[in-house]
C-alpha atoms as a PDB file:
ATOM      1  CA  MET A   1       0.000   0.000   0.000  1.00  0.00           C
ATOM      2  CA  LYS A   2       1.529   3.270  -1.085  1.00  0.00           C
ATOM      3  CA  ASN A   3      -0.159   5.802   1.207  1.00  0.00           C
ATOM      4  CA  SER A   4      -0.161   5.665   4.959  1.00  0.00           C
ATOM      5  CA  LYS A   5      -3.750   6.824   5.330  1.00  0.00           C
ATOM      6  CA  LEU A   6      -5.664   4.446   7.583  1.00  0.00           C
ATOM      7  CA  THR A   7      -8.801   3.438   5.740  1.00  0.00           C
ATOM      8  CA  MET A   8     -11.563   1.060   6.714  1.00  0.00           C
ATOM      9  CA  GLN A   9     -10.309  -1.287   3.995  1.00  0.00           C
ATOM     10  CA  THR A  10      -6.773  -1.267   5.469  1.00  0.00           C
ATOM     11  CA  LEU A  11      -8.117  -1.787   8.979  1.00  0.00           C
ATOM     12  CA  THR A  12     -10.311  -4.669   7.822  1.00  0.00           C
ATOM     13  CA  ARG A  13      -7.490  -6.311   5.892  1.00  0.00           C
ATOM     14  CA  THR A  14      -5.148  -5.948   8.862  1.00  0.00           C
ATOM     15  CA  ALA A  15      -7.740  -7.559  11.137  1.00  0.00           C
ATOM     16  CA  MET A  16      -8.195 -10.429   8.677  1.00  0.00           C
ATOM     17  CA  LEU A  17      -4.439 -10.963   8.379  1.00  0.00           C
ATOM     18  CA  LEU A  18      -4.141 -10.920  12.188  1.00  0.00           C
ATOM     19  CA  ALA A  19      -6.941 -13.487  12.452  1.00  0.00           C
ATOM     20  CA  LEU A  20      -5.247 -15.729   9.875  1.00  0.00           C
ATOM     21  CA  THR A  21      -1.914 -15.445  11.677  1.00  0.00           C
ATOM     22  CA  LEU A  22      -3.546 -16.360  14.990  1.00  0.00           C
ATOM     23  CA  ALA A  23      -5.343 -19.266  13.313  1.00  0.00           C
ATOM     24  CA  PHE A  24      -2.009 -20.610  12.035  1.00  0.00           C
ATOM     25  CA  GLN A  25      -0.599 -20.348  15.553  1.00  0.00           C
ATOM     26  CA  ALA A  26      -3.625 -22.096  17.047  1.00  0.00           C
ATOM     27  CA  LEU A  27      -3.456 -25.111  14.723  1.00  0.00           C
ATOM     28  CA  GLY A  28      -0.933 -26.720  17.049  1.00  0.00           C
ATOM     29  CA  LEU A  29       1.396 -27.673  14.215  1.00  0.00           C
ATOM     30  CA  PRO A  30       5.085 -28.304  14.912  1.00  0.00           C
ATOM     31  CA  THR A  31       7.212 -25.199  15.345  1.00  0.00           C
ATOM     32  CA  VAL A  32       9.065 -25.956  12.098  1.00  0.00           C
ATOM     33  CA  ILE A  33       5.769 -25.331  10.280  1.00  0.00           C
ATOM     34  CA  THR A  34       4.196 -22.678  12.514  1.00  0.00           C
ATOM     35  CA  GLY A  35       7.322 -20.486  12.615  1.00  0.00           C
ATOM     36  CA  PRO A  36       7.619 -20.043   8.846  1.00  0.00           C
ATOM     37  CA  LEU A  37       3.824 -19.612   8.545  1.00  0.00           C
ATOM     38  CA  VAL A  38       3.795 -16.775  11.082  1.00  0.00           C
ATOM     39  CA  ASN A  39       6.750 -15.092   9.373  1.00  0.00           C
ATOM     40  CA  PHE A  40       5.005 -15.604   6.026  1.00  0.00           C
ATOM     41  CA  MET A  41       2.009 -13.724   7.413  1.00  0.00           C
ATOM     42  CA  LEU A  42       4.167 -10.919   8.832  1.00  0.00           C
ATOM     43  CA  VAL A  43       5.900 -10.248   5.516  1.00  0.00           C
ATOM     44  CA  LEU A  44       2.682 -10.681   3.543  1.00  0.00           C
ATOM     45  CA  SER A  45       0.974  -8.199   5.863  1.00  0.00           C
ATOM     46  CA  VAL A  46       3.681  -5.624   5.187  1.00  0.00           C
ATOM     47  CA  ILE A  47       3.230  -6.121   1.452  1.00  0.00           C
ATOM     48  CA  LEU A  48      -0.580  -6.061   1.489  1.00  0.00           C
ATOM     49  CA  VAL A  49      -1.420  -3.456   4.151  1.00  0.00           C
ATOM     50  CA  GLY A  50       1.848  -1.667   4.841  1.00  0.00           C
ATOM     51  CA  THR A  51       4.588  -1.620   7.405  1.00  0.00           C
ATOM     52  CA  GLY A  52       2.338  -0.482  10.248  1.00  0.00           C
ATOM     53  CA  GLY A  53      -0.010  -3.423   9.770  1.00  0.00           C
ATOM     54  CA  GLY A  54       2.864  -5.894   9.743  1.00  0.00           C
ATOM     55  CA  VAL A  55       4.438  -4.361  12.842  1.00  0.00           C
ATOM     56  CA  PHE A  56       1.057  -4.396  14.617  1.00  0.00           C
ATOM     57  CA  ILE A  57       0.518  -8.083  13.853  1.00  0.00           C
ATOM     58  CA  GLY A  58       4.123  -8.919  14.744  1.00  0.00           C
ATOM     59  CA  THR A  59       3.810  -7.293  18.152  1.00  0.00           C
ATOM     60  CA  ILE A  60       0.378  -8.682  19.037  1.00  0.00           C
ATOM     61  CA  THR A  61       0.912 -12.332  18.095  1.00  0.00           C
ATOM     62  CA  PRO A  62       3.650 -13.161  20.656  1.00  0.00           C
ATOM     63  CA  TRP A  63       1.481 -11.865  23.510  1.00  0.00           C
ATOM     64  CA  ILE A  64      -1.532 -13.813  22.342  1.00  0.00           C
ATOM     65  CA  ALA A  65       0.605 -16.940  21.852  1.00  0.00           C
ATOM     66  CA  LEU A  66       1.779 -16.580  25.457  1.00  0.00           C
ATOM     67  CA  LEU A  67      -1.735 -15.885  26.809  1.00  0.00           C
ATOM     68  CA  VAL A  68      -3.312 -18.924  25.166  1.00  0.00           C
ATOM     69  CA  GLY A  69      -0.439 -21.289  25.922  1.00  0.00           C
ATOM     70  CA  ILE A  70       1.039 -21.659  22.439  1.00  0.00           C
ATOM     71  CA  LEU A  71       4.260 -20.083  23.699  1.00  0.00           C
ATOM     72  CA  PRO A  72       5.509 -21.894  26.825  1.00  0.00           C
ATOM     73  CA  ALA A  73       5.331 -19.835  30.029  1.00  0.00           C
ATOM     74  CA  PRO A  74       9.111 -20.000  30.643  1.00  0.00           C
ATOM     75  CA  LEU A  75       9.496 -17.931  27.458  1.00  0.00           C
ATOM     76  CA  ALA A  76       7.443 -15.039  28.875  1.00  0.00           C
ATOM     77  CA  PRO A  77      10.561 -12.898  29.474  1.00  0.00           C
ATOM     78  CA  ALA A  78      11.411 -13.311  25.783  1.00  0.00           C
ATOM     79  CA  VAL A  79       8.106 -11.872  24.516  1.00  0.00           C
ATOM     80  CA  PRO A  80       9.307  -8.240  24.314  1.00  0.00           C
ATOM     81  CA  PHE A  81      12.350  -9.390  22.341  1.00  0.00           C
ATOM     82  CA  ILE A  82      10.192 -11.511  20.017  1.00  0.00           C
ATOM     83  CA  MET A  83       7.978  -8.461  19.498  1.00  0.00           C
ATOM     84  CA  ALA A  84      11.029  -6.321  18.740  1.00  0.00           C
ATOM     85  CA  GLY A  85      12.441  -8.933  16.351  1.00  0.00           C
ATOM     86  CA  ASN A  86       9.140  -9.181  14.493  1.00  0.00           C
ATOM     87  CA  ALA A  87       8.910  -5.387  14.293  1.00  0.00           C
ATOM     88  CA  VAL A  88      12.462  -5.155  12.918  1.00  0.00           C
ATOM     89  CA  LEU A  89      11.670  -7.750  10.242  1.00  0.00           C
ATOM     90  CA  CYS A  90       8.533  -5.850   9.206  1.00  0.00           C
ATOM     91  CA  LEU A  91      10.258  -2.451   9.243  1.00  0.00           C
ATOM     92  CA  ILE A  92      13.158  -3.617   7.080  1.00  0.00           C
ATOM     93  CA  VAL A  93      10.863  -5.344   4.577  1.00  0.00           C
ATOM     94  CA  GLY A  94       8.666  -2.236   4.521  1.00  0.00           C
ATOM     95  CA  VAL A  95      11.579   0.104   3.864  1.00  0.00           C
ATOM     96  CA  LEU A  96      12.920  -2.150   1.094  1.00  0.00           C
ATOM     97  CA  SER A  97       9.600  -2.909  -0.555  1.00  0.00           C
ATOM     98  CA  GLN A  98       9.957  -0.978  -3.827  1.00  0.00           C
ATOM     99  CA  SER A  99      10.363  -4.105  -5.972  1.00  0.00           C
ATOM    100  CA  THR A 100      10.463  -7.867  -5.666  1.00  0.00           C
ATOM    101  CA  ALA A 101      14.273  -7.853  -5.645  1.00  0.00           C
ATOM    102  CA  MET A 102      14.316  -5.247  -2.891  1.00  0.00           C
ATOM    103  CA  ARG A 103      11.739  -7.256  -0.913  1.00  0.00           C
ATOM    104  CA  VAL A 104      14.017 -10.295  -1.116  1.00  0.00           C
ATOM    105  CA  LEU A 105      16.866  -8.167   0.190  1.00  0.00           C
ATOM    106  CA  GLY A 106      14.523  -6.834   2.890  1.00  0.00           C
ATOM    107  CA  VAL A 107      13.613 -10.359   3.979  1.00  0.00           C
ATOM    108  CA  ILE A 108      17.254 -11.405   4.136  1.00  0.00           C
ATOM    109  CA  LEU A 109      18.388  -8.320   6.072  1.00  0.00           C
ATOM    110  CA  GLY A 110      15.261  -8.284   8.227  1.00  0.00           C
ATOM    111  CA  SER A 111      15.668 -11.979   9.060  1.00  0.00           C
ATOM    112  CA  LEU A 112      19.281 -11.463  10.060  1.00  0.00           C
ATOM    113  CA  LEU A 113      18.379  -8.512  12.270  1.00  0.00           C
ATOM    114  CA  LYS A 114      15.409 -10.368  13.778  1.00  0.00           C
ATOM    115  CA  PHE A 115      17.758 -13.233  14.582  1.00  0.00           C
ATOM    116  CA  ALA A 116      20.261 -10.790  16.103  1.00  0.00           C
ATOM    117  CA  VAL A 117      17.583  -9.231  18.344  1.00  0.00           C
ATOM    118  CA  ILE A 118      15.937 -12.453  19.532  1.00  0.00           C
ATOM    119  CA  GLY A 119      19.006 -14.687  19.491  1.00  0.00           C
ATOM    120  CA  GLY A 120      21.105 -12.002  21.134  1.00  0.00           C
ATOM    121  CA  ALA A 121      18.565 -11.613  23.909  1.00  0.00           C
ATOM    122  CA  ALA A 122      18.372 -15.379  24.392  1.00  0.00           C
ATOM    123  CA  SER A 123      22.153 -15.679  24.524  1.00  0.00           C
ATOM    124  CA  TYR A 124      23.178 -12.566  26.437  1.00  0.00           C
ATOM    125  CA  VAL A 125      20.216 -10.965  28.219  1.00  0.00           C
ATOM    126  CA  LEU A 126      17.727 -13.623  29.264  1.00  0.00           C
ATOM    127  CA  THR A 127      18.272 -16.513  31.639  1.00  0.00           C
ATOM    128  CA  LEU A 128      16.392 -19.389  30.056  1.00  0.00           C
ATOM    129  CA  PRO A 129      16.726 -23.165  30.166  1.00  0.00           C
ATOM    130  CA  ALA A 130      19.013 -24.318  27.347  1.00  0.00           C
ATOM    131  CA  PRO A 131      16.241 -25.890  25.187  1.00  0.00           C
ATOM    132  CA  MET A 132      14.159 -22.697  25.433  1.00  0.00           C
ATOM    133  CA  ALA A 133      17.130 -20.482  24.602  1.00  0.00           C
ATOM    134  CA  GLN A 134      17.937 -22.704  21.631  1.00  0.00           C
ATOM    135  CA  MET A 135      14.390 -22.171  20.263  1.00  0.00           C
ATOM    136  CA  LEU A 136      15.182 -18.468  20.101  1.00  0.00           C
ATOM    137  CA  THR A 137      18.380 -18.723  18.079  1.00  0.00           C
ATOM    138  CA  PHE A 138      18.872 -20.251  14.622  1.00  0.00           C
ATOM    139  CA  PRO A 139      15.269 -21.467  14.232  1.00  0.00           C
ATOM    140  CA  GLN A 140      14.252 -17.788  14.290  1.00  0.00           C
ATOM    141  CA  LEU A 141      16.562 -17.073  11.371  1.00  0.00           C
ATOM    142  CA  THR A 142      15.426 -20.037   9.274  1.00  0.00           C
ATOM    143  CA  ASN A 143      11.736 -19.423  10.064  1.00  0.00           C
ATOM    144  CA  ALA A 144      11.987 -15.767   9.046  1.00  0.00           C
ATOM    145  CA  LEU A 145      13.903 -16.562   5.860  1.00  0.00           C
ATOM    146  CA  LEU A 146      11.591 -19.400   4.776  1.00  0.00           C
ATOM    147  CA  GLY A 147       8.363 -17.601   5.585  1.00  0.00           C
ATOM    148  CA  GLY A 148       9.520 -14.245   4.276  1.00  0.00           C
ATOM    149  CA  LEU A 149      10.837 -15.550   0.974  1.00  0.00           C
ATOM    150  CA  LEU A 150       7.666 -17.581   0.453  1.00  0.00           C
ATOM    151  CA  ALA A 151       5.582 -14.447   1.103  1.00  0.00           C
ATOM    152  CA  VAL A 152       7.584 -12.429  -1.411  1.00  0.00           C
ATOM    153  CA  SER A 153       7.242 -15.165  -4.023  1.00  0.00           C
ATOM    154  CA  MET A 154       3.475 -15.387  -3.515  1.00  0.00           C
ATOM    155  CA  ALA A 155       2.804 -11.667  -3.030  1.00  0.00           C
ATOM    156  CA  SER A 156       2.309 -10.835  -6.702  1.00  0.00           C
ATOM    157  CA  ALA A 157      -0.334 -13.520  -7.157  1.00  0.00           C
ATOM    158  CA  ILE A 158      -2.102 -12.509  -3.963  1.00  0.00           C
ATOM    159  CA  GLN A 159      -2.002  -8.813  -4.870  1.00  0.00           C
ATOM    160  CA  TRP A 160      -3.399  -9.651  -8.306  1.00  0.00           C
ATOM    161  CA  ALA A 161      -6.252 -11.655  -6.730  1.00  0.00           C
ATOM    162  CA  VAL A 162      -7.031  -8.857  -4.264  1.00  0.00           C
ATOM    163  CA  SER A 163      -6.925  -6.282  -7.075  1.00  0.00           C
ATOM    164  CA  ALA A 164      -9.180  -8.430  -9.273  1.00  0.00           C
ATOM    165  CA  GLY A 165     -11.630  -8.745  -6.404  1.00  0.00           C
ATOM    166  CA  ASN A 166     -11.662  -4.986  -5.948  1.00  0.00           C
ATOM    167  CA  HIS A 167     -12.316  -4.397  -9.661  1.00  0.00           C
ATOM    168  CA  SER A 168     -15.184  -6.887  -9.824  1.00  0.00           C
ATOM    169  CA  ALA A 169     -16.730  -5.427  -6.653  1.00  0.00           C
ATOM    170  CA  ALA A 170     -16.626  -1.957  -8.183  1.00  0.00           C
ATOM    171  CA  LYS A 171     -18.716  -3.049 -11.196  1.00  0.00           C
END
């Protein structure tokens, strides 16, 4: 989305993307599937509704995952860092979203920075049991890369479908 004006359409789309992201989390699938799916939704949200929508979804979903038990309680101290990592991913993709090639670069840089924020916190700031800390290191990088690159590759088709739906609704 090119302008930053908050419209009812943008708000509705953001709410729908948030609901889909939460639904993916709630499926109870293994983390190796859920992680890339959530990152897919974050990057797709940036592309479809803008950076603000992606950041909003990326900061809400860790809290909800903790509240409903998807994220284990011992990881509660990590939630602010997960939020920050998600926000960084969305911000970088948003800034570098002028073309597909730039989006790919945004996903790569954003994934690396997300990993640095979350993995750095797990390694140097937080005191977590080793298996919990390990969940917050390299899996974060691979999840962000896989999900983000998939979102970029599918974004054109999704944008075309959304645009086609808007044109047929206007008739």
